[in-house]
Amino acid sequence: MAYVTSCKFCDCIYYPVLDATIGRPYGLYVHGSSDTTGAVRGVETIATGLKWKPVLPPVLVRGALDQSSRDACWELGATVAASL
């Protein structure tokens, strides 16, 4: 459900922000029960079209969220913030 909502959001913002956000850094966190491949591919395709730059590889969490996952998310967020 979150992925569908994200796609609708991206459909609405794509053209209005296309020129205004070129080169912006972004980070991606995906949490899934077993597979995150499709969600990552979808977001990376949109980000490529917007010419955004990933600051780190996506943080992929499958199953339960543990301390290691939380630490990776914190690092991702801090890196995005430092890149702005």
Protein backbone atom coordinates (compact mmCIF):
# COMPACT_ATOMS: atom_id res chain seq x y z
CA MET A 1 0.00 0.00 0.00
CA ALA A 2 2.80 2.45 0.84
CA TYR A 3 4.40 1.82 -2.55
CA VAL A 4 1.15 2.60 -4.37
CA THR A 5 0.80 5.81 -2.37
CA SER A 6 4.41 6.72 -3.15
CA CYS A 7 3.82 6.21 -6.86
CA LYS A 8 0.76 8.46 -6.79
CA PHE A 9 2.78 11.08 -4.94
CA CYS A 10 5.58 10.87 -7.50
CA ASP A 11 3.09 11.12 -10.36
CA CYS A 12 1.80 14.37 -8.85
CA ILE A 13 5.18 15.98 -8.15
CA TYR A 14 7.28 14.76 -11.07
CA TYR A 15 6.81 17.57 -13.57
CA PRO A 16 6.40 20.44 -11.07
CA VAL A 17 9.78 19.66 -9.45
CA LEU A 18 11.63 18.34 -12.51
CA ASP A 19 13.80 21.40 -13.13
CA ALA A 20 13.83 22.76 -9.57
CA THR A 21 15.43 19.71 -7.95
CA ILE A 22 18.07 18.53 -10.45
CA GLY A 23 21.13 17.17 -8.67
CA ARG A 24 19.54 17.00 -5.22
CA PRO A 25 20.77 14.26 -2.90
CA TYR A 26 18.39 11.58 -1.71
CA GLY A 27 18.37 8.50 0.47
CA LEU A 28 16.18 5.44 0.19
CA TYR A 29 14.97 3.12 2.96
CA VAL A 30 12.75 0.19 2.01
CA HIS A 31 11.18 -2.25 4.46
CA GLY A 32 9.52 -5.37 3.16
CA SER A 33 8.47 -8.75 4.43
CA SER A 34 10.49 -10.73 1.91
CA ASP A 35 11.47 -8.77 -1.21
CA THR A 36 12.28 -5.11 -1.82
CA THR A 37 13.53 -5.35 -5.40
CA GLY A 38 10.49 -3.89 -7.16
CA ALA A 39 10.12 -0.98 -4.76
CA VAL A 40 13.80 -0.06 -5.09
CA ARG A 41 13.67 -0.31 -8.88
CA GLY A 42 10.60 1.94 -9.01
CA VAL A 43 12.05 4.64 -6.78
CA GLU A 44 15.45 4.55 -8.49
CA THR A 45 13.77 4.92 -11.89
CA ILE A 46 11.87 8.00 -10.71
CA ALA A 47 14.95 9.46 -9.00
CA THR A 48 17.01 8.93 -12.17
CA GLY A 49 14.37 10.76 -14.21
CA LEU A 50 14.46 13.63 -11.73
CA LYS A 51 18.29 13.59 -11.89
CA TRP A 52 18.59 13.14 -8.14
CA LYS A 53 21.81 11.67 -6.73
CA PRO A 54 21.80 8.84 -4.16
CA VAL A 55 24.10 9.60 -1.22
CA LEU A 56 24.41 5.95 -0.17
CA PRO A 57 23.08 2.64 -1.45
CA PRO A 58 19.49 1.95 -0.33
CA VAL A 59 18.95 0.62 3.18
CA LEU A 60 16.99 -2.60 2.66
CA VAL A 61 15.27 -4.24 5.60
CA ARG A 62 13.51 -7.56 5.20
CA GLY A 63 11.46 -8.82 8.11
CA ALA A 64 11.74 -7.37 11.60
CA LEU A 65 13.45 -4.05 12.16
CA ASP A 66 16.48 -4.52 14.43
CA GLN A 67 19.12 -2.22 15.91
CA SER A 68 21.43 -2.69 12.94
CA SER A 69 18.65 -1.54 10.60
CA ARG A 70 17.92 1.46 12.81
CA ASP A 71 21.62 2.37 12.81
CA ALA A 72 21.76 2.11 9.00
CA CYS A 73 18.70 4.37 8.71
CA TRP A 74 20.25 6.89 11.08
CA GLU A 75 23.45 6.91 8.99
CA LEU A 76 21.42 7.34 5.81
CA GLY A 77 19.47 10.25 7.25
CA ALA A 78 22.59 11.93 8.62
CA THR A 79 24.36 11.56 5.29
CA VAL A 80 21.44 13.05 3.36
CA ALA A 81 21.26 15.94 5.83
CA ALA A 82 25.00 16.60 5.53
CA SER A 83 24.69 16.56 1.73
CA LEU A 84 22.13 19.37 1.60
